[in-house]
PDB file of all heavy atoms in Angstrom:
ATOM      1  N   PRO A   1     -67.330  74.379-141.469  1.00  0.00           N
ATOM      2  CA  PRO A   1     -68.762  74.834-141.274  1.00  0.00           C
ATOM      3  C   PRO A   1     -69.585  73.747-140.974  1.00  0.00           C
ATOM      4  O   PRO A   1     -70.696  73.822-140.215  1.00  0.00           O
ATOM      5  CB  PRO A   1     -69.098  75.469-142.639  1.00  0.00           C
ATOM      6  CG  PRO A   1     -68.135  74.970-143.576  1.00  0.00           C
ATOM      7  CD  PRO A   1     -66.872  74.645-142.802  1.00  0.00           C
ATOM      8  N   HIS A   2     -69.329  72.484-141.336  1.00  0.00           N
ATOM      9  CA  HIS A   2     -70.054  71.311-141.004  1.00  0.00           C
ATOM     10  C   HIS A   2     -70.205  71.002-139.483  1.00  0.00           C
ATOM     11  O   HIS A   2     -71.037  70.436-139.022  1.00  0.00           O
ATOM     12  CB  HIS A   2     -69.572  70.055-141.713  1.00  0.00           C
ATOM     13  CG  HIS A   2     -69.652  70.209-143.253  1.00  0.00           C
ATOM     14  ND1 HIS A   2     -70.821  70.103-143.873  1.00  0.00           N
ATOM     15  CD2 HIS A   2     -68.672  70.231-144.102  1.00  0.00           C
ATOM     16  CE1 HIS A   2     -70.498  70.239-145.182  1.00  0.00           C
ATOM     17  NE2 HIS A   2     -69.264  70.430-145.426  1.00  0.00           N
ATOM     18  N   GLU A   3     -69.171  71.529-138.672  1.00  0.00           N
ATOM     19  CA  GLU A   3     -69.086  71.269-137.295  1.00  0.00           C
ATOM     20  C   GLU A   3     -70.148  72.121-136.575  1.00  0.00           C
ATOM     21  O   GLU A   3     -70.488  71.866-135.353  1.00  0.00           O
ATOM     22  CB  GLU A   3     -67.723  71.446-136.787  1.00  0.00           C
ATOM     23  CG  GLU A   3     -66.722  70.492-137.315  1.00  0.00           C
ATOM     24  CD  GLU A   3     -65.332  70.754-136.723  1.00  0.00           C
ATOM     25  OE1 GLU A   3     -65.177  70.802-135.496  1.00  0.00           O
ATOM     26  OE2 GLU A   3     -64.401  70.935-137.631  1.00  0.00           O
ATOM     27  N   TYR A   4     -70.510  73.337-137.117  1.00  0.00           N
ATOM     28  CA  TYR A   4     -71.326  74.251-136.408  1.00  0.00           C
ATOM     29  C   TYR A   4     -72.816  74.106-136.664  1.00  0.00           C
ATOM     30  O   TYR A   4     -73.462  74.996-137.231  1.00  0.00           O
ATOM     31  CB  TYR A   4     -70.770  75.621-136.755  1.00  0.00           C
ATOM     32  CG  TYR A   4     -69.482  75.925-136.213  1.00  0.00           C
ATOM     33  CD1 TYR A   4     -68.276  75.431-136.933  1.00  0.00           C
ATOM     34  CD2 TYR A   4     -69.209  76.534-135.041  1.00  0.00           C
ATOM     35  CE1 TYR A   4     -66.944  75.626-136.412  1.00  0.00           C
ATOM     36  CE2 TYR A   4     -67.936  76.732-134.582  1.00  0.00           C
ATOM     37  CZ  TYR A   4     -66.796  76.300-135.270  1.00  0.00           C
ATOM     38  OH  TYR A   4     -65.638  76.500-134.806  1.00  0.00           O
ATOM     39  N   SER A   5     -73.249  72.880-136.292  1.00  0.00           N
ATOM     40  CA  SER A   5     -74.724  72.644-136.454  1.00  0.00           C
ATOM     41  C   SER A   5     -75.574  73.409-135.439  1.00  0.00           C
ATOM     42  O   SER A   5     -75.022  73.767-134.386  1.00  0.00           O
ATOM     43  CB  SER A   5     -74.975  71.155-136.321  1.00  0.00           C
ATOM     44  OG  SER A   5     -74.713  70.695-135.084  1.00  0.00           O
ATOM     45  N   GLU A   6     -76.776  73.594-135.811  1.00  0.00           N
ATOM     46  CA  GLU A   6     -77.704  74.289-134.795  1.00  0.00           C
ATOM     47  C   GLU A   6     -77.859  73.591-133.459  1.00  0.00           C
ATOM     48  O   GLU A   6     -77.807  74.207-132.483  1.00  0.00           O
ATOM     49  CB  GLU A   6     -79.090  74.513-135.408  1.00  0.00           C
ATOM     50  CG  GLU A   6     -80.079  75.257-134.576  1.00  0.00           C
ATOM     51  CD  GLU A   6     -81.380  75.491-135.232  1.00  0.00           C
ATOM     52  OE1 GLU A   6     -81.630  74.934-136.382  1.00  0.00           O
ATOM     53  OE2 GLU A   6     -82.242  76.056-134.609  1.00  0.00           O
ATOM     54  N   GLU A   7     -77.805  72.293-133.529  1.00  0.00           N
ATOM     55  CA  GLU A   7     -77.873  71.432-132.356  1.00  0.00           C
ATOM     56  C   GLU A   7     -76.665  71.789-131.454  1.00  0.00           C
ATOM     57  O   GLU A   7     -76.863  71.760-130.220  1.00  0.00           O
ATOM     58  CB  GLU A   7     -77.844  69.914-132.807  1.00  0.00           C
ATOM     59  CG  GLU A   7     -77.990  69.047-131.566  1.00  0.00           C
ATOM     60  CD  GLU A   7     -77.888  67.571-132.006  1.00  0.00           C
ATOM     61  OE1 GLU A   7     -77.807  67.301-133.216  1.00  0.00           O
ATOM     62  OE2 GLU A   7     -77.765  66.695-131.075  1.00  0.00           O
ATOM     63  N   LYS A   8     -75.475  71.972-132.037  1.00  0.00           N
ATOM     64  CA  LYS A   8     -74.376  72.179-131.269  1.00  0.00           C
ATOM     65  C   LYS A   8     -74.103  73.668-130.678  1.00  0.00           C
ATOM     66  O   LYS A   8     -73.590  73.906-129.641  1.00  0.00           O
ATOM     67  CB  LYS A   8     -73.003  71.787-132.030  1.00  0.00           C
ATOM     68  CG  LYS A   8     -72.810  70.373-132.321  1.00  0.00           C
ATOM     69  CD  LYS A   8     -71.614  70.103-132.969  1.00  0.00           C
ATOM     70  CE  LYS A   8     -71.359  68.665-133.368  1.00  0.00           C
ATOM     71  NZ  LYS A   8     -70.150  68.385-134.150  1.00  0.00           N
ATOM     72  N   VAL A   9     -74.530  74.557-131.514  1.00  0.00           N
ATOM     73  CA  VAL A   9     -74.222  76.055-131.098  1.00  0.00           C
ATOM     74  C   VAL A   9     -75.404  76.870-130.775  1.00  0.00           C
ATOM     75  O   VAL A   9     -75.196  78.036-130.150  1.00  0.00           O
ATOM     76  CB  VAL A   9     -73.584  76.611-132.380  1.00  0.00           C
ATOM     77  CG1 VAL A   9     -72.355  75.899-132.808  1.00  0.00           C
ATOM     78  CG2 VAL A   9     -74.461  76.902-133.547  1.00  0.00           C
ATOM     79  N   LYS A  10     -76.643  76.402-130.887  1.00  0.00           N
ATOM     80  CA  LYS A  10     -77.870  77.277-130.548  1.00  0.00           C
ATOM     81  C   LYS A  10     -77.773  77.591-129.097  1.00  0.00           C
ATOM     82  O   LYS A  10     -77.637  76.841-128.180  1.00  0.00           O
ATOM     83  CB  LYS A  10     -79.083  76.507-130.864  1.00  0.00           C
ATOM     84  CG  LYS A  10     -80.321  77.460-130.781  1.00  0.00           C
ATOM     85  CD  LYS A  10     -81.589  76.742-131.219  1.00  0.00           C
ATOM     86  CE  LYS A  10     -82.806  77.660-131.032  1.00  0.00           C
ATOM     87  NZ  LYS A  10     -84.017  77.094-131.499  1.00  0.00           N
ATOM     88  N   GLY A  11     -77.863  78.933-128.846  1.00  0.00           N
ATOM     89  CA  GLY A  11     -78.040  79.434-127.511  1.00  0.00           C
ATOM     90  C   GLY A  11     -76.650  79.520-126.751  1.00  0.00           C
ATOM     91  O   GLY A  11     -76.535  79.736-125.498  1.00  0.00           O
ATOM     92  N   LYS A  12     -75.569  79.287-127.509  1.00  0.00           N
ATOM     93  CA  LYS A  12     -74.131  79.389-126.889  1.00  0.00           C
ATOM     94  C   LYS A  12     -73.401  80.496-127.475  1.00  0.00           C
ATOM     95  O   LYS A  12     -73.543  80.824-128.637  1.00  0.00           O
ATOM     96  CB  LYS A  12     -73.480  78.092-126.991  1.00  0.00           C
ATOM     97  CG  LYS A  12     -74.291  76.987-126.365  1.00  0.00           C
ATOM     98  CD  LYS A  12     -73.584  75.571-126.575  1.00  0.00           C
ATOM     99  CE  LYS A  12     -74.389  74.533-125.755  1.00  0.00           C
ATOM    100  NZ  LYS A  12     -73.710  73.155-125.837  1.00  0.00           N
ATOM    101  N   ALA A  13     -72.427  80.984-126.765  1.00  0.00           N
ATOM    102  CA  ALA A  13     -71.426  81.825-127.216  1.00  0.00           C
ATOM    103  C   ALA A  13     -70.218  81.052-127.684  1.00  0.00           C
ATOM    104  O   ALA A  13     -69.951  79.898-127.155  1.00  0.00           O
ATOM    105  CB  ALA A  13     -70.961  82.834-126.146  1.00  0.00           C
ATOM    106  N   ILE A  14     -69.545  81.567-128.678  1.00  0.00           N
ATOM    107  CA  ILE A  14     -68.321  80.809-129.284  1.00  0.00           C
ATOM    108  C   ILE A  14     -67.097  81.739-129.140  1.00  0.00           C
ATOM    109  O   ILE A  14     -67.072  82.833-129.752  1.00  0.00           O
ATOM    110  CB  ILE A  14     -68.566  80.378-130.624  1.00  0.00           C
ATOM    111  CG1 ILE A  14     -69.769  79.381-130.774  1.00  0.00           C
ATOM    112  CG2 ILE A  14     -67.397  79.691-131.192  1.00  0.00           C
ATOM    113  CD1 ILE A  14     -70.168  79.061-132.133  1.00  0.00           C
ATOM    114  N   ILE A  15     -66.055  81.252-128.512  1.00  0.00           N
ATOM    115  CA  ILE A  15     -64.814  81.932-128.681  1.00  0.00           C
ATOM    116  C   ILE A  15     -64.050  81.320-129.889  1.00  0.00           C
ATOM    117  O   ILE A  15     -63.792  80.106-129.870  1.00  0.00           O
ATOM    118  CB  ILE A  15     -63.878  81.685-127.325  1.00  0.00           C
ATOM    119  CG1 ILE A  15     -64.602  82.337-126.103  1.00  0.00           C
ATOM    120  CG2 ILE A  15     -62.493  82.269-127.453  1.00  0.00           C
ATOM    121  CD1 ILE A  15     -63.925  81.910-124.798  1.00  0.00           C
ATOM    122  N   PHE A  16     -63.876  82.228-130.821  1.00  0.00           N
ATOM    123  CA  PHE A  16     -63.468  81.667-132.129  1.00  0.00           C
ATOM    124  C   PHE A  16     -62.109  82.243-132.458  1.00  0.00           C
ATOM    125  O   PHE A  16     -61.900  83.521-132.472  1.00  0.00           O
ATOM    126  CB  PHE A  16     -64.425  82.015-133.179  1.00  0.00           C
ATOM    127  CG  PHE A  16     -64.249  81.400-134.534  1.00  0.00           C
ATOM    128  CD1 PHE A  16     -64.497  79.992-134.541  1.00  0.00           C
ATOM    129  CD2 PHE A  16     -63.864  81.956-135.627  1.00  0.00           C
ATOM    130  CE1 PHE A  16     -64.343  79.211-135.849  1.00  0.00           C
ATOM    131  CE2 PHE A  16     -63.719  81.350-136.751  1.00  0.00           C
ATOM    132  CZ  PHE A  16     -63.953  79.988-136.870  1.00  0.00           C
ATOM    133  N   SER A  17     -61.152  81.430-132.852  1.00  0.00           N
ATOM    134  CA  SER A  17     -59.750  81.907-133.185  1.00  0.00           C
ATOM    135  C   SER A  17     -59.189  81.189-134.537  1.00  0.00           C
ATOM    136  O   SER A  17     -59.271  79.912-134.435  1.00  0.00           O
ATOM    137  CB  SER A  17     -58.762  81.677-132.064  1.00  0.00           C
ATOM    138  OG  SER A  17     -57.512  82.166-132.312  1.00  0.00           O
ATOM    139  N   THR A  18     -58.812  81.948-135.472  1.00  0.00           N
ATOM    140  CA  THR A  18     -58.299  81.284-136.700  1.00  0.00           C
ATOM    141  C   THR A  18     -56.979  81.875-137.062  1.00  0.00           C
ATOM    142  O   THR A  18     -56.526  83.008-136.669  1.00  0.00           O
ATOM    143  CB  THR A  18     -59.298  81.445-137.881  1.00  0.00           C
ATOM    144  OG1 THR A  18     -59.417  82.870-138.197  1.00  0.00           O
ATOM    145  CG2 THR A  18     -60.646  81.017-137.588  1.00  0.00           C
ATOM    146  N   THR A  19     -56.326  81.171-137.928  1.00  0.00           N
ATOM    147  CA  THR A  19     -54.967  81.658-138.425  1.00  0.00           C
ATOM    148  C   THR A  19     -54.978  82.971-139.028  1.00  0.00           C
ATOM    149  O   THR A  19     -54.165  83.761-138.831  1.00  0.00           O
ATOM    150  CB  THR A  19     -54.383  80.511-139.350  1.00  0.00           C
ATOM    151  OG1 THR A  19     -54.355  79.244-138.730  1.00  0.00           O
ATOM    152  CG2 THR A  19     -52.875  80.883-139.743  1.00  0.00           C
ATOM    153  N   ASN A  20     -55.986  83.170-139.897  1.00  0.00           N
ATOM    154  CA  ASN A  20     -56.021  84.453-140.762  1.00  0.00           C
ATOM    155  C   ASN A  20     -57.170  85.313-140.413  1.00  0.00           C
ATOM    156  O   ASN A  20     -57.010  86.584-140.294  1.00  0.00           O
ATOM    157  CB  ASN A  20     -56.144  84.016-142.174  1.00  0.00           C
ATOM    158  CG  ASN A  20     -54.992  83.086-142.723  1.00  0.00           C
ATOM    159  OD1 ASN A  20     -53.791  83.537-142.499  1.00  0.00           O
ATOM    160  ND2 ASN A  20     -55.271  81.981-143.142  1.00  0.00           N
ATOM    161  N   GLY A  21     -58.426  84.818-140.193  1.00  0.00           N
ATOM    162  CA  GLY A  21     -59.589  85.693-139.979  1.00  0.00           C
ATOM    163  C   GLY A  21     -59.488  86.562-138.750  1.00  0.00           C
ATOM    164  O   GLY A  21     -59.915  87.680-138.718  1.00  0.00           O
ATOM    165  N   SER A  22     -58.953  85.922-137.635  1.00  0.00           N
ATOM    166  CA  SER A  22     -58.877  86.672-136.332  1.00  0.00           C
ATOM    167  C   SER A  22     -57.959  87.896-136.492  1.00  0.00           C
ATOM    168  O   SER A  22     -58.284  88.951-135.951  1.00  0.00           O
ATOM    169  CB  SER A  22     -58.397  85.794-135.217  1.00  0.00           C
ATOM    170  OG  SER A  22     -59.291  84.685-134.974  1.00  0.00           O
ATOM    171  N   HIS A  23     -56.945  87.734-137.202  1.00  0.00           N
ATOM    172  CA  HIS A  23     -56.017  88.828-137.435  1.00  0.00           C
ATOM    173  C   HIS A  23     -56.663  90.032-138.261  1.00  0.00           C
ATOM    174  O   HIS A  23     -56.503  91.157-137.971  1.00  0.00           O
ATOM    175  CB  HIS A  23     -54.709  88.354-138.114  1.00  0.00           C
ATOM    176  CG  HIS A  23     -53.787  87.476-137.339  1.00  0.00           C
ATOM    177  ND1 HIS A  23     -53.164  88.044-136.136  1.00  0.00           N
ATOM    178  CD2 HIS A  23     -53.445  86.260-137.362  1.00  0.00           C
ATOM    179  CE1 HIS A  23     -52.548  86.994-135.562  1.00  0.00           C
ATOM    180  NE2 HIS A  23     -52.659  85.991-136.319  1.00  0.00           N
ATOM    181  N   ALA A  24     -57.493  89.592-139.208  1.00  0.00           N
ATOM    182  CA  ALA A  24     -58.106  90.628-140.067  1.00  0.00           C
ATOM    183  C   ALA A  24     -59.188  91.402-139.206  1.00  0.00           C
ATOM    184  O   ALA A  24     -59.286  92.563-139.347  1.00  0.00           O
ATOM    185  CB  ALA A  24     -58.825  89.961-141.232  1.00  0.00           C
ATOM    186  N   ILE A  25     -59.899  90.658-138.371  1.00  0.00           N
ATOM    187  CA  ILE A  25     -60.881  91.309-137.485  1.00  0.00           C
ATOM    188  C   ILE A  25     -60.224  92.171-136.481  1.00  0.00           C
ATOM    189  O   ILE A  25     -60.642  93.311-136.238  1.00  0.00           O
ATOM    190  CB  ILE A  25     -61.678  90.229-136.824  1.00  0.00           C
ATOM    191  CG1 ILE A  25     -62.442  89.403-137.830  1.00  0.00           C
ATOM    192  CG2 ILE A  25     -62.527  90.789-135.676  1.00  0.00           C
ATOM    193  CD1 ILE A  25     -63.175  88.289-137.152  1.00  0.00           C
ATOM    194  N   ASP A  26     -59.041  91.746-135.949  1.00  0.00           N
ATOM    195  CA  ASP A  26     -58.286  92.590-135.061  1.00  0.00           C
ATOM    196  C   ASP A  26     -57.848  93.916-135.713  1.00  0.00           C
ATOM    197  O   ASP A  26     -57.954  94.980-135.064  1.00  0.00           O
ATOM    198  CB  ASP A  26     -57.161  91.788-134.517  1.00  0.00           C
ATOM    199  CG  ASP A  26     -56.355  92.576-133.399  1.00  0.00           C
ATOM    200  OD1 ASP A  26     -57.013  92.933-132.392  1.00  0.00           O
ATOM    201  OD2 ASP A  26     -55.212  92.861-133.551  1.00  0.00           O
ATOM    202  N   LYS A  27     -57.409  93.855-136.970  1.00  0.00           N
ATOM    203  CA  LYS A  27     -56.964  95.000-137.663  1.00  0.00           C
ATOM    204  C   LYS A  27     -58.096  96.029-137.894  1.00  0.00           C
ATOM    205  O   LYS A  27     -57.847  97.287-137.843  1.00  0.00           O
ATOM    206  CB  LYS A  27     -56.385  94.660-139.068  1.00  0.00           C
ATOM    207  CG  LYS A  27     -55.050  93.960-139.041  1.00  0.00           C
ATOM    208  CD  LYS A  27     -54.591  93.648-140.418  1.00  0.00           C
ATOM    209  CE  LYS A  27     -53.327  92.938-140.490  1.00  0.00           C
ATOM    210  NZ  LYS A  27     -52.870  92.549-141.816  1.00  0.00           N
ATOM    211  N   ALA A  28     -59.314  95.517-137.985  1.00  0.00           N
ATOM    212  CA  ALA A  28     -60.416  96.376-138.298  1.00  0.00           C
ATOM    213  C   ALA A  28     -61.302  96.788-137.120  1.00  0.00           C
ATOM    214  O   ALA A  28     -62.343  97.395-137.147  1.00  0.00           O
ATOM    215  CB  ALA A  28     -61.325  95.801-139.356  1.00  0.00           C
ATOM    216  N   ARG A  29     -60.790  96.360-135.891  1.00  0.00           N
ATOM    217  CA  ARG A  29     -61.612  96.462-134.682  1.00  0.00           C
ATOM    218  C   ARG A  29     -61.994  97.958-134.241  1.00  0.00           C
ATOM    219  O   ARG A  29     -63.032  98.209-133.670  1.00  0.00           O
ATOM    220  CB  ARG A  29     -60.997  95.821-133.541  1.00  0.00           C
ATOM    221  CG  ARG A  29     -59.690  96.482-132.890  1.00  0.00           C
ATOM    222  CD  ARG A  29     -59.053  95.669-131.878  1.00  0.00           C
ATOM    223  NE  ARG A  29     -57.803  96.280-131.415  1.00  0.00           N
ATOM    224  CZ  ARG A  29     -56.672  96.352-131.892  1.00  0.00           C
ATOM    225  NH1 ARG A  29     -56.462  95.782-133.092  1.00  0.00           N
ATOM    226  NH2 ARG A  29     -55.655  96.883-131.257  1.00  0.00           N
ATOM    227  N   TYR A  30     -61.213  98.865-134.747  1.00  0.00           N
ATOM    228  CA  TYR A  30     -61.615 100.308-134.429  1.00  0.00           C
ATOM    229  C   TYR A  30     -62.464 100.979-135.502  1.00  0.00           C
ATOM    230  O   TYR A  30     -62.750 102.180-135.356  1.00  0.00           O
ATOM    231  CB  TYR A  30     -60.301 101.110-134.161  1.00  0.00           C
ATOM    232  CG  TYR A  30     -59.551 100.550-132.990  1.00  0.00           C
ATOM    233  CD1 TYR A  30     -58.262 100.189-133.150  1.00  0.00           C
ATOM    234  CD2 TYR A  30     -60.054 100.589-131.670  1.00  0.00           C
ATOM    235  CE1 TYR A  30     -57.536  99.645-132.066  1.00  0.00           C
ATOM    236  CE2 TYR A  30     -59.325 100.101-130.624  1.00  0.00           C
ATOM    237  CZ  TYR A  30     -58.058  99.648-130.799  1.00  0.00           C
ATOM    238  OH  TYR A  30     -57.371  99.139-129.739  1.00  0.00           O
TER     239      TYR A  30
END
């Protein structure tokens, strides 16, 4: 979370992929 400062991410879209969280989101997408 320390990497995602407002200076770095404000006004930008983020393609985000993780070992566990992405799979959980995919399971619940419908």
